[in-house]
């Protein structure tokens, strides 16, 4: 019973991550792809709280921004930075 509640909590937290990225997708007018929105669910599932998700998103945005500063203006995939942010939150 307790374990199923934990899974339900993680599922609801992952849904909140999808809603954050979906909102960003709508506000940025397609700058964030639908694949990033879908990946946000799988990146957020192992995280335990909303603060961990926000930390993961922050790390991903900072790493992606630093990477974008070193490149000429072009589209870069955001998925590796999302995975990196999730990984950094889990090991820290």
C-alpha atoms as a PDB file:
ATOM      1  CA  UNK A   1       0.000   0.000   0.000  1.00  0.00           C
ATOM      2  CA  UNK A   2       2.695   2.486   0.972  1.00  0.00           C
ATOM      3  CA  UNK A   3       4.792   1.581  -2.065  1.00  0.00           C
ATOM      4  CA  UNK A   4       1.860   2.200  -4.405  1.00  0.00           C
ATOM      5  CA  UNK A   5       1.369   5.634  -2.842  1.00  0.00           C
ATOM      6  CA  UNK A   6       5.030   6.415  -3.468  1.00  0.00           C
ATOM      7  CA  UNK A   7       4.648   5.405  -7.112  1.00  0.00           C
ATOM      8  CA  UNK A   8       1.505   7.510  -7.390  1.00  0.00           C
ATOM      9  CA  UNK A   9       3.339  10.479  -5.888  1.00  0.00           C
ATOM     10  CA  UNK A  10       6.223  10.094  -8.333  1.00  0.00           C
ATOM     11  CA  UNK A  11       3.742   9.822 -11.194  1.00  0.00           C
ATOM     12  CA  UNK A  12       1.992  13.033 -10.145  1.00  0.00           C
ATOM     13  CA  UNK A  13       5.324  14.807  -9.793  1.00  0.00           C
ATOM     14  CA  UNK A  14       6.305  13.642 -13.270  1.00  0.00           C
ATOM     15  CA  UNK A  15       3.009  15.001 -14.591  1.00  0.00           C
ATOM     16  CA  UNK A  16       3.877  18.356 -13.062  1.00  0.00           C
ATOM     17  CA  UNK A  17       7.181  18.287 -14.956  1.00  0.00           C
ATOM     18  CA  UNK A  18       5.317  17.637 -18.183  1.00  0.00           C
ATOM     19  CA  UNK A  19       3.051  20.580 -17.449  1.00  0.00           C
ATOM     20  CA  UNK A  20       6.071  22.840 -16.836  1.00  0.00           C
ATOM     21  CA  UNK A  21       7.687  21.857 -20.130  1.00  0.00           C
ATOM     22  CA  UNK A  22       4.375  21.997 -21.990  1.00  0.00           C
ATOM     23  CA  UNK A  23       3.860  25.531 -20.720  1.00  0.00           C
ATOM     24  CA  UNK A  24       7.391  26.421 -21.824  1.00  0.00           C
ATOM     25  CA  UNK A  25       6.696  24.831 -25.208  1.00  0.00           C
ATOM     26  CA  UNK A  26       3.566  26.927 -25.659  1.00  0.00           C
ATOM     27  CA  UNK A  27       5.166  30.157 -24.432  1.00  0.00           C
ATOM     28  CA  UNK A  28       8.355  29.702 -26.463  1.00  0.00           C
ATOM     29  CA  UNK A  29       6.337  28.989 -29.615  1.00  0.00           C
ATOM     30  CA  UNK A  30       8.001  25.709 -30.507  1.00  0.00           C
ATOM     31  CA  UNK A  31      11.546  26.486 -29.367  1.00  0.00           C
ATOM     32  CA  UNK A  32      11.227  23.511 -27.029  1.00  0.00           C
ATOM     33  CA  UNK A  33      10.163  20.464 -28.977  1.00  0.00           C
ATOM     34  CA  UNK A  34       7.475  17.939 -28.186  1.00  0.00           C
ATOM     35  CA  UNK A  35      10.179  15.338 -27.611  1.00  0.00           C
ATOM     36  CA  UNK A  36      11.537  17.427 -24.746  1.00  0.00           C
ATOM     37  CA  UNK A  37       8.062  17.572 -23.217  1.00  0.00           C
ATOM     38  CA  UNK A  38       7.764  13.779 -23.407  1.00  0.00           C
ATOM     39  CA  UNK A  39      11.298  13.250 -22.084  1.00  0.00           C
ATOM     40  CA  UNK A  40      10.537  15.473 -19.099  1.00  0.00           C
ATOM     41  CA  UNK A  41       8.164  12.793 -17.804  1.00  0.00           C
ATOM     42  CA  UNK A  42      10.872  10.126 -17.856  1.00  0.00           C
ATOM     43  CA  UNK A  43      13.472  12.452 -16.378  1.00  0.00           C
ATOM     44  CA  UNK A  44      11.150  13.515 -13.556  1.00  0.00           C
ATOM     45  CA  UNK A  45       9.888  10.056 -12.615  1.00  0.00           C
ATOM     46  CA  UNK A  46      12.984   9.015 -10.599  1.00  0.00           C
ATOM     47  CA  UNK A  47      13.117  12.385  -8.842  1.00  0.00           C
ATOM     48  CA  UNK A  48      11.380  12.486  -5.510  1.00  0.00           C
ATOM     49  CA  UNK A  49      10.041  16.005  -5.150  1.00  0.00           C
ATOM     50  CA  UNK A  50       9.069  19.108  -7.023  1.00  0.00           C
ATOM     51  CA  UNK A  51      12.176  20.907  -5.746  1.00  0.00           C
ATOM     52  CA  UNK A  52      14.361  18.210  -7.314  1.00  0.00           C
ATOM     53  CA  UNK A  53      12.537  18.672 -10.612  1.00  0.00           C
ATOM     54  CA  UNK A  54      13.058  22.428 -10.483  1.00  0.00           C
ATOM     55  CA  UNK A  55      16.737  21.908  -9.654  1.00  0.00           C
ATOM     56  CA  UNK A  56      17.054  19.497 -12.568  1.00  0.00           C
ATOM     57  CA  UNK A  57      15.402  21.986 -14.922  1.00  0.00           C
ATOM     58  CA  UNK A  58      17.662  24.773 -13.654  1.00  0.00           C
ATOM     59  CA  UNK A  59      20.804  22.710 -14.180  1.00  0.00           C
ATOM     60  CA  UNK A  60      19.620  21.741 -17.666  1.00  0.00           C
ATOM     61  CA  UNK A  61      18.903  25.355 -18.626  1.00  0.00           C
ATOM     62  CA  UNK A  62      22.228  26.606 -17.257  1.00  0.00           C
ATOM     63  CA  UNK A  63      24.210  23.849 -18.990  1.00  0.00           C
ATOM     64  CA  UNK A  64      22.289  24.353 -22.235  1.00  0.00           C
ATOM     65  CA  UNK A  65      22.783  28.111 -22.047  1.00  0.00           C
ATOM     66  CA  UNK A  66      26.512  27.777 -21.475  1.00  0.00           C
ATOM     67  CA  UNK A  67      26.732  25.360 -24.391  1.00  0.00           C
ATOM     68  CA  UNK A  68      24.749  27.740 -26.605  1.00  0.00           C
ATOM     69  CA  UNK A  69      27.141  30.578 -25.779  1.00  0.00           C
ATOM     70  CA  UNK A  70      30.032  28.588 -27.223  1.00  0.00           C
ATOM     71  CA  UNK A  71      28.220  27.829 -30.506  1.00  0.00           C
ATOM     72  CA  UNK A  72      27.111  30.031 -33.333  1.00  0.00           C
ATOM     73  CA  UNK A  73      23.379  30.765 -33.414  1.00  0.00           C
ATOM     74  CA  UNK A  74      21.715  27.503 -34.303  1.00  0.00           C
ATOM     75  CA  UNK A  75      19.264  25.080 -32.789  1.00  0.00           C
ATOM     76  CA  UNK A  76      20.746  22.701 -30.235  1.00  0.00           C
ATOM     77  CA  UNK A  77      19.123  19.565 -28.845  1.00  0.00           C
ATOM     78  CA  UNK A  78      17.980  20.066 -25.268  1.00  0.00           C
ATOM     79  CA  UNK A  79      17.515  16.378 -24.401  1.00  0.00           C
ATOM     80  CA  UNK A  80      21.157  15.744 -23.389  1.00  0.00           C
ATOM     81  CA  UNK A  81      21.000  18.675 -20.990  1.00  0.00           C
ATOM     82  CA  UNK A  82      17.743  17.418 -19.477  1.00  0.00           C
ATOM     83  CA  UNK A  83      19.334  14.030 -18.857  1.00  0.00           C
ATOM     84  CA  UNK A  84      22.456  15.715 -17.469  1.00  0.00           C
ATOM     85  CA  UNK A  85      20.345  17.823 -15.081  1.00  0.00           C
ATOM     86  CA  UNK A  86      18.468  14.764 -13.857  1.00  0.00           C
ATOM     87  CA  UNK A  87      21.696  12.845 -13.374  1.00  0.00           C
ATOM     88  CA  UNK A  88      23.327  15.694 -11.453  1.00  0.00           C
ATOM     89  CA  UNK A  89      20.351  16.037  -9.104  1.00  0.00           C
ATOM     90  CA  UNK A  90      20.308  12.290  -8.426  1.00  0.00           C
ATOM     91  CA  UNK A  91      24.033  12.051  -7.603  1.00  0.00           C
ATOM     92  CA  UNK A  92      24.096  15.237  -5.544  1.00  0.00           C
END
